[in-house]
Amino acid sequence: MKTPCLEAIKKTAREHVSGPIGTWQYCSVLLPLVERDGLLYVLYELRSSEMETQPGEVSFPGGRIEDGEAPRETALRETVEELGVPSGAVEIVSELDRLVTYSNLIVHCFLGIIDASALEKASVNAAEVEEFFLVPLGWLLENDPEVYTSRVALEPAVNLPVEKLAPHGGYRWRSGTHTVPIYTWPDSVRGADRIIWGMTAKLTMAFVSLVRGVN
């Protein structure tokens, strides 16, 4: 292949949209706020027990970003499809912090406001969502989650030629940590605790930290 000239390389580099190197899956979720009777709530979904992934777990509305779709569009589309509310009842405020997982998943998160009156007429998609529930933002501000830390370590391929990579001795592969936060919401309406954990809890923690900084 002929080496391109410097100007052509500069032009291509300027037009390039940066992104993470490697193979990743991209998802987008909405962190929904609902204002009711002067109080703010965070809306969570309980995933259907028939779902292939995370059945029966608590989550935010969202899903995989489809080809040609912007993350913001995904968050809105999935919210409308899962909760059965009109798109006009959902206001997307802005993108919040992005979550990058050890399992090659990048999750975009958008702060949204759902009209309370629209929720009263909502008809959830039973194939994906069993129900939704509201947690007072005040409770989340006052109750930190339990946080557990697990170790994540690389498992090198069996045929990796380590002797070429580290000729002066064994190579020390780096390891990392994976935190698992758990909120236990005592839902008086249901009469049982709701367990909010994993990625949903991490996104909740990041949002609560942001809100605590509001003057």
C-alpha atoms as a PDB file:
ATOM      1  CA  MET A   1       0.000   0.000   0.000  1.00  0.00           C
ATOM      2  CA  LYS A   2       1.319   3.427  -0.929  1.00  0.00           C
ATOM      3  CA  THR A   3       1.940   5.729   2.038  1.00  0.00           C
ATOM      4  CA  PRO A   4      -0.442   8.721   1.824  1.00  0.00           C
ATOM      5  CA  CYS A   5       0.894  12.254   2.048  1.00  0.00           C
ATOM      6  CA  LEU A   6       0.930  14.160   5.325  1.00  0.00           C
ATOM      7  CA  GLU A   7      -1.899  16.522   4.337  1.00  0.00           C
ATOM      8  CA  ALA A   8      -4.176  13.603   3.515  1.00  0.00           C
ATOM      9  CA  ILE A   9      -3.410  12.000   6.881  1.00  0.00           C
ATOM     10  CA  LYS A  10      -4.134  15.296   8.693  1.00  0.00           C
ATOM     11  CA  LYS A  11      -7.460  15.665   6.864  1.00  0.00           C
ATOM     12  CA  THR A  12      -8.525  12.117   7.706  1.00  0.00           C
ATOM     13  CA  ALA A  13      -7.500  12.513  11.353  1.00  0.00           C
ATOM     14  CA  ARG A  14      -9.473  15.749  11.707  1.00  0.00           C
ATOM     15  CA  GLU A  15     -12.605  14.104  10.294  1.00  0.00           C
ATOM     16  CA  HIS A  16     -12.234  10.993  12.436  1.00  0.00           C
ATOM     17  CA  VAL A  17     -14.744  10.570  15.280  1.00  0.00           C
ATOM     18  CA  SER A  18     -12.844   9.247  18.291  1.00  0.00           C
ATOM     19  CA  GLY A  19     -14.075   6.206  20.174  1.00  0.00           C
ATOM     20  CA  PRO A  20     -12.830   3.334  22.323  1.00  0.00           C
ATOM     21  CA  ILE A  21     -10.447   0.842  20.736  1.00  0.00           C
ATOM     22  CA  GLY A  22     -11.694  -2.744  20.680  1.00  0.00           C
ATOM     23  CA  THR A  23     -15.016  -4.526  20.370  1.00  0.00           C
ATOM     24  CA  TRP A  24     -17.802  -2.941  22.384  1.00  0.00           C
ATOM     25  CA  GLN A  25     -21.563  -3.138  22.749  1.00  0.00           C
ATOM     26  CA  TYR A  26     -23.394   0.164  23.110  1.00  0.00           C
ATOM     27  CA  CYS A  27     -26.566   0.735  25.099  1.00  0.00           C
ATOM     28  CA  SER A  28     -28.510   3.779  26.174  1.00  0.00           C
ATOM     29  CA  VAL A  29     -30.847   4.263  29.122  1.00  0.00           C
ATOM     30  CA  LEU A  30     -33.033   6.976  30.575  1.00  0.00           C
ATOM     31  CA  LEU A  31     -32.791   7.928  34.228  1.00  0.00           C
ATOM     32  CA  PRO A  32     -36.356   9.225  34.635  1.00  0.00           C
ATOM     33  CA  LEU A  33     -37.485  11.815  37.151  1.00  0.00           C
ATOM     34  CA  VAL A  34     -41.161  12.183  37.974  1.00  0.00           C
ATOM     35  CA  GLU A  35     -42.609  15.140  39.878  1.00  0.00           C
ATOM     36  CA  ARG A  36     -45.737  14.280  41.834  1.00  0.00           C
ATOM     37  CA  ASP A  37     -47.449  16.409  44.509  1.00  0.00           C
ATOM     38  CA  GLY A  38     -44.418  18.656  44.727  1.00  0.00           C
ATOM     39  CA  LEU A  39     -41.960  15.795  45.344  1.00  0.00           C
ATOM     40  CA  LEU A  40     -39.361  14.312  43.001  1.00  0.00           C
ATOM     41  CA  TYR A  41     -39.080  10.578  42.359  1.00  0.00           C
ATOM     42  CA  VAL A  42     -36.765   8.341  40.327  1.00  0.00           C
ATOM     43  CA  LEU A  43     -38.604   5.784  38.207  1.00  0.00           C
ATOM     44  CA  TYR A  44     -37.365   2.206  38.004  1.00  0.00           C
ATOM     45  CA  GLU A  45     -38.636  -0.774  36.050  1.00  0.00           C
ATOM     46  CA  LEU A  46     -38.891  -4.396  37.120  1.00  0.00           C
ATOM     47  CA  ARG A  47     -37.825  -6.468  34.146  1.00  0.00           C
ATOM     48  CA  SER A  48     -40.087  -9.293  33.008  1.00  0.00           C
ATOM     49  CA  SER A  49     -39.191 -12.743  34.312  1.00  0.00           C
ATOM     50  CA  GLU A  50     -39.382 -13.910  30.678  1.00  0.00           C
ATOM     51  CA  MET A  51     -36.443 -11.750  29.562  1.00  0.00           C
ATOM     52  CA  GLU A  52     -33.297 -13.587  28.444  1.00  0.00           C
ATOM     53  CA  THR A  53     -30.976 -11.160  30.238  1.00  0.00           C
ATOM     54  CA  GLN A  54     -31.393 -10.021  33.860  1.00  0.00           C
ATOM     55  CA  PRO A  55     -34.947 -11.391  34.249  1.00  0.00           C
ATOM     56  CA  GLY A  56     -36.801 -10.014  37.259  1.00  0.00           C
ATOM     57  CA  GLU A  57     -34.150  -7.380  38.005  1.00  0.00           C
ATOM     58  CA  VAL A  58     -34.590  -3.659  38.528  1.00  0.00           C
ATOM     59  CA  SER A  59     -33.454  -1.420  35.682  1.00  0.00           C
ATOM     60  CA  PHE A  60     -33.919   1.880  33.903  1.00  0.00           C
ATOM     61  CA  PRO A  61     -35.754   2.071  30.568  1.00  0.00           C
ATOM     62  CA  GLY A  62     -33.234   1.440  27.783  1.00  0.00           C
ATOM     63  CA  GLY A  63     -31.584  -1.001  25.452  1.00  0.00           C
ATOM     64  CA  ARG A  64     -29.080  -1.569  22.684  1.00  0.00           C
ATOM     65  CA  ILE A  65     -28.343   1.284  20.297  1.00  0.00           C
ATOM     66  CA  GLU A  66     -29.472   0.312  16.820  1.00  0.00           C
ATOM     67  CA  ASP A  67     -27.507   1.058  13.641  1.00  0.00           C
ATOM     68  CA  GLY A  68     -27.870   4.666  12.577  1.00  0.00           C
ATOM     69  CA  GLU A  69     -29.434   5.638  15.893  1.00  0.00           C
ATOM     70  CA  ALA A  70     -28.052   8.268  18.272  1.00  0.00           C
ATOM     71  CA  PRO A  71     -27.834   7.312  21.974  1.00  0.00           C
ATOM     72  CA  ARG A  72     -30.387  10.010  22.839  1.00  0.00           C
ATOM     73  CA  GLU A  73     -32.841   8.542  20.324  1.00  0.00           C
ATOM     74  CA  THR A  74     -32.389   5.071  21.806  1.00  0.00           C
ATOM     75  CA  ALA A  75     -33.131   6.266  25.334  1.00  0.00           C
ATOM     76  CA  LEU A  76     -36.347   7.952  24.192  1.00  0.00           C
ATOM     77  CA  ARG A  77     -37.478   5.092  21.930  1.00  0.00           C
ATOM     78  CA  GLU A  78     -36.940   2.431  24.574  1.00  0.00           C
ATOM     79  CA  THR A  79     -38.724   4.489  27.232  1.00  0.00           C
ATOM     80  CA  VAL A  80     -41.762   4.956  25.011  1.00  0.00           C
ATOM     81  CA  GLU A  81     -41.812   1.272  23.999  1.00  0.00           C
ATOM     82  CA  GLU A  82     -41.320  -0.136  27.493  1.00  0.00           C
ATOM     83  CA  LEU A  83     -43.550   2.161  29.538  1.00  0.00           C
ATOM     84  CA  GLY A  84     -46.204   2.800  26.926  1.00  0.00           C
ATOM     85  CA  VAL A  85     -46.146   6.581  27.269  1.00  0.00           C
ATOM     86  CA  PRO A  86     -46.196   9.068  24.351  1.00  0.00           C
ATOM     87  CA  SER A  87     -42.864  10.559  23.322  1.00  0.00           C
ATOM     88  CA  GLY A  88     -44.256  14.028  24.021  1.00  0.00           C
ATOM     89  CA  ALA A  89     -44.569  13.097  27.698  1.00  0.00           C
ATOM     90  CA  VAL A  90     -40.811  12.553  27.982  1.00  0.00           C
ATOM     91  CA  GLU A  91     -38.391  15.484  28.213  1.00  0.00           C
ATOM     92  CA  ILE A  92     -34.730  14.570  27.824  1.00  0.00           C
ATOM     93  CA  VAL A  93     -32.660  17.094  29.769  1.00  0.00           C
ATOM     94  CA  SER A  94     -29.065  16.090  29.013  1.00  0.00           C
ATOM     95  CA  GLU A  95     -26.609  13.207  28.958  1.00  0.00           C
ATOM     96  CA  LEU A  96     -25.247  12.129  32.325  1.00  0.00           C
ATOM     97  CA  ASP A  97     -22.105  10.122  33.050  1.00  0.00           C
ATOM     98  CA  ARG A  98     -21.333   7.171  30.802  1.00  0.00           C
ATOM     99  CA  LEU A  99     -20.730   3.716  32.241  1.00  0.00           C
ATOM    100  CA  VAL A 100     -17.949   1.490  30.869  1.00  0.00           C
ATOM    101  CA  THR A 101     -17.994  -2.089  32.129  1.00  0.00           C
ATOM    102  CA  TYR A 102     -15.374  -4.817  32.358  1.00  0.00           C
ATOM    103  CA  SER A 103     -17.538  -6.892  29.977  1.00  0.00           C
ATOM    104  CA  ASN A 104     -17.037  -4.543  27.000  1.00  0.00           C
ATOM    105  CA  LEU A 105     -20.309  -2.666  27.416  1.00  0.00           C
ATOM    106  CA  ILE A 106     -20.664   1.117  27.159  1.00  0.00           C
ATOM    107  CA  VAL A 107     -23.887   2.527  28.595  1.00  0.00           C
ATOM    108  CA  HIS A 108     -25.022   6.062  27.760  1.00  0.00           C
ATOM    109  CA  CYS A 109     -27.333   7.555  30.382  1.00  0.00           C
ATOM    110  CA  PHE A 110     -29.706  10.480  29.877  1.00  0.00           C
ATOM    111  CA  LEU A 111     -31.594  12.418  32.502  1.00  0.00           C
ATOM    112  CA  GLY A 112     -35.263  12.597  31.584  1.00  0.00           C
ATOM    113  CA  ILE A 113     -38.490  13.927  33.028  1.00  0.00           C
ATOM    114  CA  ILE A 114     -41.687  11.954  32.534  1.00  0.00           C
ATOM    115  CA  ASP A 115     -45.023  13.690  32.909  1.00  0.00           C
ATOM    116  CA  ALA A 116     -46.810  12.268  35.958  1.00  0.00           C
ATOM    117  CA  SER A 117     -50.239  12.362  34.324  1.00  0.00           C
ATOM    118  CA  ALA A 118     -48.937  10.302  31.391  1.00  0.00           C
ATOM    119  CA  LEU A 119     -47.754   7.619  33.811  1.00  0.00           C
ATOM    120  CA  GLU A 120     -51.281   7.236  35.132  1.00  0.00           C
ATOM    121  CA  LYS A 121     -52.304   6.114  31.641  1.00  0.00           C
ATOM    122  CA  ALA A 122     -49.144   4.111  30.952  1.00  0.00           C
ATOM    123  CA  SER A 123     -49.478   0.589  29.578  1.00  0.00           C
ATOM    124  CA  VAL A 124     -46.189  -1.247  30.062  1.00  0.00           C
ATOM    125  CA  ASN A 125     -44.856  -3.685  27.493  1.00  0.00           C
ATOM    126  CA  ALA A 126     -45.466  -6.935  29.396  1.00  0.00           C
ATOM    127  CA  ALA A 127     -42.913  -8.810  27.267  1.00  0.00           C
ATOM    128  CA  GLU A 128     -40.154  -6.650  28.734  1.00  0.00           C
ATOM    129  CA  VAL A 129     -41.487  -4.964  31.851  1.00  0.00           C
ATOM    130  CA  GLU A 130     -43.456  -6.429  34.737  1.00  0.00           C
ATOM    131  CA  GLU A 131     -44.107  -3.084  36.400  1.00  0.00           C
ATOM    132  CA  PHE A 132     -42.540   0.244  37.297  1.00  0.00           C
ATOM    133  CA  PHE A 133     -42.185   1.910  40.687  1.00  0.00           C
ATOM    134  CA  LEU A 134     -41.062   5.257  42.094  1.00  0.00           C
ATOM    135  CA  VAL A 135     -38.371   5.903  44.702  1.00  0.00           C
ATOM    136  CA  PRO A 136     -38.263   9.336  46.360  1.00  0.00           C
ATOM    137  CA  LEU A 137     -35.161  11.248  45.358  1.00  0.00           C
ATOM    138  CA  GLY A 138     -34.959  12.425  48.966  1.00  0.00           C
ATOM    139  CA  TRP A 139     -34.607   8.818  50.137  1.00  0.00           C
ATOM    140  CA  LEU A 140     -31.754   8.196  47.685  1.00  0.00           C
ATOM    141  CA  LEU A 141     -30.013  11.364  48.888  1.00  0.00           C
ATOM    142  CA  GLU A 142     -30.240  10.212  52.494  1.00  0.00           C
ATOM    143  CA  ASN A 143     -29.416   6.512  52.026  1.00  0.00           C
ATOM    144  CA  ASP A 144     -26.116   5.427  50.515  1.00  0.00           C
ATOM    145  CA  PRO A 145     -25.958   1.935  49.025  1.00  0.00           C
ATOM    146  CA  GLU A 146     -23.924  -0.937  50.374  1.00  0.00           C
ATOM    147  CA  VAL A 147     -20.875  -1.256  48.104  1.00  0.00           C
ATOM    148  CA  TYR A 148     -18.969  -4.493  47.554  1.00  0.00           C
ATOM    149  CA  THR A 149     -15.714  -4.743  45.616  1.00  0.00           C
ATOM    150  CA  SER A 150     -14.671  -7.712  43.485  1.00  0.00           C
ATOM    151  CA  ARG A 151     -11.343  -8.318  41.763  1.00  0.00           C
ATOM    152  CA  VAL A 152     -11.228  -8.513  37.970  1.00  0.00           C
ATOM    153  CA  ALA A 153      -8.190 -10.233  36.441  1.00  0.00           C
ATOM    154  CA  LEU A 154      -7.065 -10.886  32.868  1.00  0.00           C
ATOM    155  CA  GLU A 155      -6.898 -14.514  31.811  1.00  0.00           C
ATOM    156  CA  PRO A 156      -4.275 -14.693  29.017  1.00  0.00           C
ATOM    157  CA  ALA A 157      -4.790 -16.958  26.027  1.00  0.00           C
ATOM    158  CA  VAL A 158      -3.157 -20.371  26.454  1.00  0.00           C
ATOM    159  CA  ASN A 159      -1.098 -19.947  23.255  1.00  0.00           C
ATOM    160  CA  LEU A 160       0.008 -16.374  23.979  1.00  0.00           C
ATOM    161  CA  PRO A 161       3.823 -16.250  23.380  1.00  0.00           C
ATOM    162  CA  VAL A 162       4.692 -14.763  26.764  1.00  0.00           C
ATOM    163  CA  GLU A 163       8.409 -15.571  26.287  1.00  0.00           C
ATOM    164  CA  LYS A 164       8.518 -13.065  23.407  1.00  0.00           C
ATOM    165  CA  LEU A 165       6.701 -10.407  25.366  1.00  0.00           C
ATOM    166  CA  ALA A 166       8.618 -10.720  28.615  1.00  0.00           C
ATOM    167  CA  PRO A 167      12.056 -12.210  27.858  1.00  0.00           C
ATOM    168  CA  HIS A 168      13.449 -11.228  31.267  1.00  0.00           C
ATOM    169  CA  GLY A 169      10.945 -13.092  33.366  1.00  0.00           C
ATOM    170  CA  GLY A 170       7.256 -13.692  33.923  1.00  0.00           C
ATOM    171  CA  TYR A 171       4.957 -10.839  33.042  1.00  0.00           C
ATOM    172  CA  ARG A 172       2.723  -9.518  35.828  1.00  0.00           C
ATOM    173  CA  TRP A 173      -0.717  -9.059  34.326  1.00  0.00           C
ATOM    174  CA  ARG A 174      -2.588  -6.127  35.752  1.00  0.00           C
ATOM    175  CA  SER A 175      -5.843  -6.648  37.584  1.00  0.00           C
ATOM    176  CA  GLY A 176      -8.643  -4.231  38.419  1.00  0.00           C
ATOM    177  CA  THR A 177     -11.657  -3.897  40.654  1.00  0.00           C
ATOM    178  CA  HIS A 178     -15.376  -4.101  40.009  1.00  0.00           C
ATOM    179  CA  THR A 179     -17.738  -2.448  42.474  1.00  0.00           C
ATOM    180  CA  VAL A 180     -21.232  -3.776  43.140  1.00  0.00           C
ATOM    181  CA  PRO A 181     -23.485  -1.210  44.863  1.00  0.00           C
ATOM    182  CA  ILE A 182     -26.811  -2.313  46.359  1.00  0.00           C
ATOM    183  CA  TYR A 183     -29.727  -0.086  47.354  1.00  0.00           C
ATOM    184  CA  THR A 184     -32.459  -1.730  49.442  1.00  0.00           C
ATOM    185  CA  TRP A 185     -35.641   0.318  49.067  1.00  0.00           C
ATOM    186  CA  PRO A 186     -38.348  -0.608  51.616  1.00  0.00           C
ATOM    187  CA  ASP A 187     -41.356  -0.332  49.326  1.00  0.00           C
ATOM    188  CA  SER A 188     -44.359   0.140  51.607  1.00  0.00           C
ATOM    189  CA  VAL A 189     -46.792  -0.128  48.691  1.00  0.00           C
ATOM    190  CA  ARG A 190     -45.507  -3.542  47.673  1.00  0.00           C
ATOM    191  CA  GLY A 191     -44.851  -4.596  51.254  1.00  0.00           C
ATOM    192  CA  ALA A 192     -41.385  -5.917  50.377  1.00  0.00           C
ATOM    193  CA  ASP A 193     -37.911  -4.577  49.679  1.00  0.00           C
ATOM    194  CA  ARG A 194     -36.838  -3.565  46.194  1.00  0.00           C
ATOM    195  CA  ILE A 195     -33.225  -4.409  45.381  1.00  0.00           C
ATOM    196  CA  ILE A 196     -31.529  -1.919  43.065  1.00  0.00           C
ATOM    197  CA  TRP A 197     -28.019  -3.036  42.210  1.00  0.00           C
ATOM    198  CA  GLY A 198     -25.307  -3.367  39.549  1.00  0.00           C
ATOM    199  CA  MET A 199     -25.232  -0.962  36.618  1.00  0.00           C
ATOM    200  CA  THR A 200     -28.548   0.621  37.563  1.00  0.00           C
ATOM    201  CA  ALA A 201     -27.247   1.332  41.063  1.00  0.00           C
ATOM    202  CA  LYS A 202     -23.974   2.740  39.671  1.00  0.00           C
ATOM    203  CA  LEU A 203     -25.864   5.158  37.434  1.00  0.00           C
ATOM    204  CA  THR A 204     -28.077   6.078  40.381  1.00  0.00           C
ATOM    205  CA  MET A 205     -25.032   6.752  42.566  1.00  0.00           C
ATOM    206  CA  ALA A 206     -23.488   9.015  39.930  1.00  0.00           C
ATOM    207  CA  PHE A 207     -26.720  10.991  39.585  1.00  0.00           C
ATOM    208  CA  VAL A 208     -27.176  11.311  43.349  1.00  0.00           C
ATOM    209  CA  SER A 209     -23.614  12.626  43.607  1.00  0.00           C
ATOM    210  CA  LEU A 210     -24.437  15.218  40.943  1.00  0.00           C
ATOM    211  CA  VAL A 211     -27.618  16.296  42.751  1.00  0.00           C
ATOM    212  CA  ARG A 212     -25.749  16.654  46.055  1.00  0.00           C
ATOM    213  CA  GLY A 213     -23.595  19.285  44.373  1.00  0.00           C
ATOM    214  CA  VAL A 214     -26.592  21.419  43.363  1.00  0.00           C
ATOM    215  CA  ASN A 215     -26.610  24.770  45.181  1.00  0.00           C
END
